[in-house]
Amino acid sequence: MTLRKRIFVLTAVSFSLTVAVAAYHQFFLYRDLLKKEKESFCRTSVSEFNQLVDFHKRIANSISSYISKDEEVKRLFDKGDREGLYRMLRPLYEEVRKENLIREMVLFKLPANLFLNVRVPTAKPRRTKRKDVIEAGKTCTTTKSIVVCVNYVGIRAVNPIVRGGRTLGVVSVGIDMEDFLKHYHSITGNRSGLAVKESVLKRSLREESLKKYISRSLRSGDFLIRTSDGKDDFLKELSFRDNSEELKVGDKLILACSIPVKDFSGEVIGYFFTYRDISSLSAALALESFKRLMKSYVPLMLLVFLGSLLILGRISDRVERLKRVTELIKRRKFKELEGLSPSGKDEFGEIESAILSMAHEIEKYINVLSKEIEVYTSKAYMDSLTGVFNRRAFDEFGRELIERFLTLSKPISVLMIDVDDFKRVNDSHGHQVGDQVLAELGRLIRETLRETDIVFRYGGEEFLALLPGTSLEGALRAGDKVRRRVEAHSFPPGDQRITVSVGVAQGTEGDERAEDVVSRADRALYIAKKTGKNRVSSET
C-alpha cells in the first residue's frame, strides 16, 4: 500500500474514530441527563414518602391523644368496663375509618395486655409483644412508628392513659400500609409498593394473617411485595441494593426508587418503593443527543476530513521522496544519491538535505568500520568450546563496558556462574564428557539470558555474564532463571544432571573499576557455594 493510500485510510479511520468519540460523548451526556432525572425522581420520592408518613403519624397521634385524655375513657378504662368503652369509641372509629385514615383502635392494660380492640371487639384478651406498646406503658411517653403486629404492617401512634397520677395502660391507633400506598398514589400519581422481609412477617404475624399476606403478595428473594394497584411481575426483579434501579420490561424502561423502612427499634424491616415508566423520557433524551451530534459535530468533522485529505496529499509526495532516499541509503546505493539535491527550501527540504549529508557521512563510516571489523575479528575473542566470549575478550572490552556504565551512573550487573562439583563429572566420565557438558552449558546460558547480555567463559567451568541496564533485583531474577534452566536440563551424553551456583553484584557509586564489581560477584558466588550450592546469592 502506497503512502498516499495509507494517509487516506488513516484519515478515514481518524474521522470515524472522531465521530465515534463524539457519539460516545453524547451517549454520556444522555446518561448524565438520565442520571439527573433519576436523582430528582428519587429525591422527590423520599421527600413525599417522609412527609406522608409524618402526616399519618400526626393523624394517628391526634386520635390516640384525644382518646387517652378523655376523662370518660379514663373512668371506664379504670373501671374495666369494656362494653361501655366500646359503645363510646365505636362511633369515632367508624367516622375516621370511612376516610381510610385509620384501621386500628386498641386499648391495652399494663404491662401490655389487650383490653379492647374496637375494630374486633370479640378479640380475646392476650399479651402483646409490640415493643412500642411496652415502651409507651413503661415510660409513660408517646411513640410513633411503623410496626408489624399480629395482623398487618402499619403506621401507629401509642399514648399512655393516665388517671390520678397512675398509668392505667395505653391506646394504640394505626393505619394499614396498604391504605398508605393508596394515599401515596392518589397524591403523587406514582405507583408504589412495600417489600417486607418474610422473616419479619413470620416472626410477627399470626399464621392466618401470614397466609393471607403471602397469597396477595409477589415473592422476590426474602421479600414479599405488595403494591398500590395489584401485582406487576417485573417487580420481582428489584434488588433493593441501590437507591434507584432501572428495569427493562419489554419495550419499556421502568425507573424504581427504594427507601428503607425501619420499625420502632430501628431495624430495617423492608423497603417502600415507587416506580414509573420513563420510556418516553429516555427516547426524548436520546433523540436530543443525536440532534446535537448531527448539528454540531458532523459538519465540523467533515470539513476537517476534507481539509486533511488535501494537506496530507501534498505531504505524501514529499514523504515518498524521503522514503526513496532512505531506501537507497539502506541498500548502500550511495552512487545513485550523488545526483540528488533537496526538492525545496521548506522543512521537508531541510530534512532531505540533512539526510543526504548524513548518507555521505554513513558511507565514510561504513568504509572505516569495515576495516576495523577485519582487525577485530582477526583476534581470538571467542571460546571455541562453549561458543561464548573468552577471558581475553572480557579483559579487552568487558572491563571497559563495566567502567563506562559506572562513569555514566547507569545500572549494570554481573553474574558469576560456576558448575557445582564439576570435578566429579571429569573423574567419573572423563574430560571429553566434561567438555561436552561445558559446551551445552554455554549454549543454555546464552539462550536463557537476553540478546543484550554478554557471556564470557571466565575460566575452567566458571562463566561471567554482563547484564547492561539491569538492577540487582533484575540480575537476581536472571541468575535464578539460569540456575533453574540448568537444574532441569539433561546434559549429554546420556541423562546427566548438574547444578550451578550464581553470585550476583550490581555496580554502585562507590565502584571505580570493573574489578570492584567482579570481586563482589565472586564473593557472592563463594557465599552460594558455602550455603549449600545450587543457589543464587548476593553480598547484600
Foldseek 3Di string as FASTA:
>chain_A
DAPLVVLLVVLVVVLVVLLVVLLVVLVVVLVVVVVVVLVVVLVVVVVLVVVLLVVLLVVQQVVFVVLLPDPVSLVCLVVLPQVVNLVVCLVVCVVCVVVLSWDWKWWAFPQAWTRATSNCRPDDIDGFPDPQQNVCQVVQDKDWWFDQAQAATWTKIKGFRDDPNDTGGIIMIIGHVLSVQLVSCVVPVWKKKWWFFLVRNVVHYDPVNSVVQQVQFDDAPRITMDINPGDDNQCSVDDLPDQWDWDCDPLWIKIKGWDFGAGRVRDGGTTMMTMDTCNVVSVVSSVVSVVCSVVPPVVVSVVVSVVSSVVVSVVSVLVVVVVVLVVCLVVVVLVVLPPDAQPDDDPSSVVSRVSNVVSVVVNVVVVVVVVVVVVVVVDQQADPLQRAGEQVVCVPPVFVVQLVCLVVVAKKKKKKKAWPPLVCVCVVPNVVLSSQQLNVLSVLLCVLDDPPKGKYQNDDRIIMIMDGRDDQVRVQVSVLSSQVSQQPQATDDPRDHIGMEMFMFMDDNPDNTSVVRVVQSVVQSVVCVVVPGSHYGGPD
